[in-house]
Amino acid sequence: MSVGRVKARVEQAEIPMLRAYRLWFEHTRKCGGCKGVAAAQDGCETGRELWGAYRLARIGRTP
């Protein structure tokens, strides 16, 4: 099995809640409006949307 196929299988196996959290986390590391805020709700609009998607995924709903 090639490396590309293995990577594709790993990406498919990613749990939706963890994917949503990863997307939010990666955003906050790069976004000036989200860095250093006390709560996720205090970040930029995109950050708040990503956090909302994570919260929905955490309880088993899709955004």
C-alpha atoms as a PDB file:
ATOM      1  CA  MET A   1       0.000   0.000   0.000  1.00  0.00           C
ATOM      2  CA  SER A   2       1.430   3.385  -0.955  1.00  0.00           C
ATOM      3  CA  VAL A   3       1.950   6.250   1.473  1.00  0.00           C
ATOM      4  CA  GLY A   4      -0.810   8.266  -0.213  1.00  0.00           C
ATOM      5  CA  ARG A   5      -3.356   5.505   0.364  1.00  0.00           C
ATOM      6  CA  VAL A   6      -2.355   5.093   3.996  1.00  0.00           C
ATOM      7  CA  LYS A   7      -2.705   8.843   4.576  1.00  0.00           C
ATOM      8  CA  ALA A   8      -6.118   8.850   2.891  1.00  0.00           C
ATOM      9  CA  ARG A   9      -7.330   6.078   5.176  1.00  0.00           C
ATOM     10  CA  VAL A  10      -6.079   7.904   8.250  1.00  0.00           C
ATOM     11  CA  GLU A  11      -7.867  11.095   7.195  1.00  0.00           C
ATOM     12  CA  GLN A  12     -11.118   9.188   6.641  1.00  0.00           C
ATOM     13  CA  ALA A  13     -10.900   7.707  10.109  1.00  0.00           C
ATOM     14  CA  GLU A  14     -10.702  11.115  11.806  1.00  0.00           C
ATOM     15  CA  ILE A  15     -13.504  11.546  14.337  1.00  0.00           C
ATOM     16  CA  PRO A  16     -15.735  14.525  13.420  1.00  0.00           C
ATOM     17  CA  MET A  17     -15.410  16.085  16.876  1.00  0.00           C
ATOM     18  CA  LEU A  18     -11.607  15.906  16.741  1.00  0.00           C
ATOM     19  CA  ARG A  19     -11.551  17.284  13.200  1.00  0.00           C
ATOM     20  CA  ALA A  20     -13.693  20.260  14.242  1.00  0.00           C
ATOM     21  CA  TYR A  21     -11.449  20.920  17.234  1.00  0.00           C
ATOM     22  CA  ARG A  22      -8.309  20.646  15.087  1.00  0.00           C
ATOM     23  CA  LEU A  23      -9.684  23.139  12.556  1.00  0.00           C
ATOM     24  CA  TRP A  24     -10.544  25.592  15.351  1.00  0.00           C
ATOM     25  CA  PHE A  25      -7.149  25.099  17.037  1.00  0.00           C
ATOM     26  CA  GLU A  26      -5.220  25.624  13.797  1.00  0.00           C
ATOM     27  CA  HIS A  27      -7.239  28.772  13.122  1.00  0.00           C
ATOM     28  CA  THR A  28      -6.573  30.255  16.561  1.00  0.00           C
ATOM     29  CA  ARG A  29      -2.816  29.720  16.206  1.00  0.00           C
ATOM     30  CA  LYS A  30      -2.758  31.812  13.011  1.00  0.00           C
ATOM     31  CA  CYS A  31      -5.474  34.421  13.654  1.00  0.00           C
ATOM     32  CA  GLY A  32      -4.542  37.686  15.349  1.00  0.00           C
ATOM     33  CA  GLY A  33      -8.118  38.199  16.548  1.00  0.00           C
ATOM     34  CA  CYS A  34      -8.238  34.811  18.266  1.00  0.00           C
ATOM     35  CA  LYS A  35      -4.772  34.658  19.829  1.00  0.00           C
ATOM     36  CA  GLY A  36      -4.698  35.319  23.528  1.00  0.00           C
ATOM     37  CA  VAL A  37      -8.446  35.664  24.123  1.00  0.00           C
ATOM     38  CA  ALA A  38      -9.825  34.266  27.361  1.00  0.00           C
ATOM     39  CA  ALA A  39     -12.766  32.435  25.763  1.00  0.00           C
ATOM     40  CA  ALA A  40     -13.420  31.041  22.291  1.00  0.00           C
ATOM     41  CA  GLN A  41     -16.522  33.238  22.053  1.00  0.00           C
ATOM     42  CA  ASP A  42     -14.301  36.332  22.280  1.00  0.00           C
ATOM     43  CA  GLY A  43     -12.411  35.524  19.059  1.00  0.00           C
ATOM     44  CA  CYS A  44     -13.113  36.629  15.492  1.00  0.00           C
ATOM     45  CA  GLU A  45     -16.252  35.619  13.601  1.00  0.00           C
ATOM     46  CA  THR A  46     -14.583  32.695  11.855  1.00  0.00           C
ATOM     47  CA  GLY A  47     -13.160  31.469  15.148  1.00  0.00           C
ATOM     48  CA  ARG A  48     -16.590  31.633  16.771  1.00  0.00           C
ATOM     49  CA  GLU A  49     -18.104  29.698  13.852  1.00  0.00           C
ATOM     50  CA  LEU A  50     -15.418  27.013  14.107  1.00  0.00           C
ATOM     51  CA  TRP A  51     -15.944  26.765  17.866  1.00  0.00           C
ATOM     52  CA  GLY A  52     -19.709  26.445  17.304  1.00  0.00           C
ATOM     53  CA  ALA A  53     -19.105  23.641  14.809  1.00  0.00           C
ATOM     54  CA  TYR A  54     -16.923  21.887  17.391  1.00  0.00           C
ATOM     55  CA  ARG A  55     -19.598  22.199  20.075  1.00  0.00           C
ATOM     56  CA  LEU A  56     -22.213  20.723  17.738  1.00  0.00           C
ATOM     57  CA  ALA A  57     -19.892  17.875  16.739  1.00  0.00           C
ATOM     58  CA  ARG A  58     -19.173  17.203  20.404  1.00  0.00           C
ATOM     59  CA  ILE A  59     -22.852  16.489  21.102  1.00  0.00           C
ATOM     60  CA  GLY A  60     -23.247  14.496  17.890  1.00  0.00           C
ATOM     61  CA  ARG A  61     -24.919  17.045  15.639  1.00  0.00           C
ATOM     62  CA  THR A  62     -23.642  18.282  12.307  1.00  0.00           C
ATOM     63  CA  PRO A  63     -23.189  22.004  11.687  1.00  0.00           C
END
